[in-house]
Amino acid sequence: MSLEITDANFDQLVTNSDKPVLLDFWAEWCGPCRMVGPVVDELAIDFDGKAIVGKVNVDNNSAISSKFGVRNIPTILFFKGGVVVDKQVGAVSKSVLDAKLKALL
């Protein structure tokens, strides 16, 4: 299962991570987000121990969303060394996200 990333735990789990991080910015009312959500959860299982996979509810964590300029959801940001290195906006297949995350390992 993916981690819940919040304004409070962002630095601890993302900025200071020694592993690559995939962050899914989503909201409960977003239809495409509901399609991507289960895929992100599958990736969390597939990459357990190799990468951090988390979700940011944009309605509850506006500081993170604003910091990274997330205006459309779903938006998936990829971090390495605490820095954004890749971005995917909109619903995509698991294989696309899998390939992007593998490239960071």
Protein backbone atom coordinates (compact mmCIF):
# COMPACT_ATOMS: atom_id res chain seq x y z
CA MET A 1 0.00 0.00 0.00
CA SER A 2 1.25 3.48 -0.79
CA LEU A 3 2.18 5.92 1.97
CA GLU A 4 0.06 8.95 2.80
CA ILE A 5 2.32 11.96 2.30
CA THR A 6 1.24 15.13 4.10
CA ASP A 7 2.52 18.67 4.56
CA ALA A 8 3.80 17.48 7.97
CA ASN A 9 5.74 14.36 6.89
CA PHE A 10 6.89 15.46 3.41
CA ASP A 11 10.46 16.40 4.35
CA GLN A 12 10.99 13.25 6.37
CA LEU A 13 9.62 10.83 3.75
CA VAL A 14 10.48 12.58 0.47
CA THR A 15 13.13 15.29 0.81
CA ASN A 16 15.38 13.17 3.06
CA SER A 17 14.79 9.83 1.29
CA ASP A 18 17.82 7.94 0.02
CA LYS A 19 15.51 6.07 -2.38
CA PRO A 20 13.65 7.32 -5.46
CA VAL A 21 10.15 8.61 -4.69
CA LEU A 22 6.93 8.48 -6.75
CA LEU A 23 4.26 10.90 -5.49
CA ASP A 24 0.69 10.79 -6.77
CA PHE A 25 -1.18 14.09 -6.31
CA TRP A 26 -4.90 13.26 -6.23
CA ALA A 27 -8.34 14.10 -4.80
CA GLU A 28 -11.36 11.97 -3.94
CA TRP A 29 -13.62 13.86 -6.39
CA CYS A 30 -11.25 13.29 -9.36
CA GLY A 31 -12.35 10.49 -11.71
CA PRO A 32 -8.99 9.94 -13.43
CA CYS A 33 -7.34 9.92 -9.98
CA ARG A 34 -9.54 6.97 -9.01
CA MET A 35 -8.24 5.13 -12.09
CA VAL A 36 -4.58 5.83 -11.26
CA GLY A 37 -4.87 5.16 -7.51
CA PRO A 38 -4.93 1.33 -7.68
CA VAL A 39 -1.99 1.39 -10.12
CA VAL A 40 0.03 3.48 -7.65
CA ASP A 41 -0.85 1.00 -4.88
CA GLU A 42 0.40 -1.87 -7.08
CA LEU A 43 3.66 0.00 -7.72
CA ALA A 44 4.09 0.45 -3.96
CA ILE A 45 4.04 -3.34 -3.62
CA ASP A 46 6.25 -3.93 -6.67
CA PHE A 47 8.91 -1.46 -5.48
CA ASP A 48 8.73 -2.23 -1.76
CA GLY A 49 12.20 -1.71 -0.29
CA LYS A 50 13.51 -0.13 -3.51
CA ALA A 51 11.51 3.12 -3.73
CA ILE A 52 9.04 5.21 -1.76
CA VAL A 53 5.57 5.33 -3.33
CA GLY A 54 3.13 7.79 -1.83
CA LYS A 55 -0.03 9.79 -2.39
CA VAL A 56 -0.76 13.43 -1.61
CA ASN A 57 -4.40 14.44 -1.19
CA VAL A 58 -4.36 17.94 -2.71
CA ASP A 59 -7.46 19.00 -0.77
CA ASN A 60 -5.75 18.30 2.57
CA ASN A 61 -2.15 19.24 1.73
CA SER A 62 -2.14 22.52 -0.15
CA ALA A 63 1.42 23.49 0.88
CA ILE A 64 3.02 20.60 -1.03
CA SER A 65 0.73 21.09 -4.03
CA SER A 66 1.55 24.80 -4.19
CA LYS A 67 5.28 24.25 -3.71
CA PHE A 68 5.44 22.05 -6.81
CA GLY A 69 2.88 23.97 -8.88
CA VAL A 70 0.41 21.10 -9.12
CA ARG A 71 -2.65 22.55 -10.88
CA ASN A 72 -4.00 19.49 -12.67
CA ILE A 73 -4.62 16.09 -11.16
CA PRO A 74 -3.65 13.38 -11.26
CA THR A 75 -0.07 14.60 -11.36
CA ILE A 76 2.72 12.20 -10.52
CA LEU A 77 6.10 13.60 -9.56
CA PHE A 78 9.29 11.55 -9.40
CA PHE A 79 11.99 12.57 -6.93
CA LYS A 80 15.61 11.55 -6.58
CA GLY A 81 17.76 13.06 -3.84
CA GLY A 82 14.81 15.19 -2.77
CA VAL A 83 14.59 16.90 -6.18
CA VAL A 84 11.88 16.51 -8.86
CA VAL A 85 13.46 14.69 -11.80
CA ASP A 86 10.37 13.66 -13.80
CA LYS A 87 6.66 14.44 -14.05
CA GLN A 88 3.54 12.79 -15.48
CA VAL A 89 0.24 14.64 -15.75
CA GLY A 90 -2.96 12.72 -16.37
CA ALA A 91 -3.91 9.06 -16.21
CA VAL A 92 -1.41 6.67 -17.79
CA SER A 93 -0.80 2.93 -17.78
CA LYS A 94 1.14 1.11 -15.10
CA SER A 95 3.91 0.30 -17.59
CA VAL A 96 4.65 4.01 -18.14
CA LEU A 97 4.98 4.72 -14.42
CA ASP A 98 6.90 1.49 -13.85
CA ALA A 99 9.46 2.42 -16.53
CA LYS A 100 9.90 5.95 -15.14
CA LEU A 101 10.49 4.63 -11.62
CA LYS A 102 12.86 1.87 -12.77
CA ALA A 103 14.94 4.50 -14.57
CA LEU A 104 15.62 6.13 -11.19
CA LEU A 105 16.85 2.99 -9.43
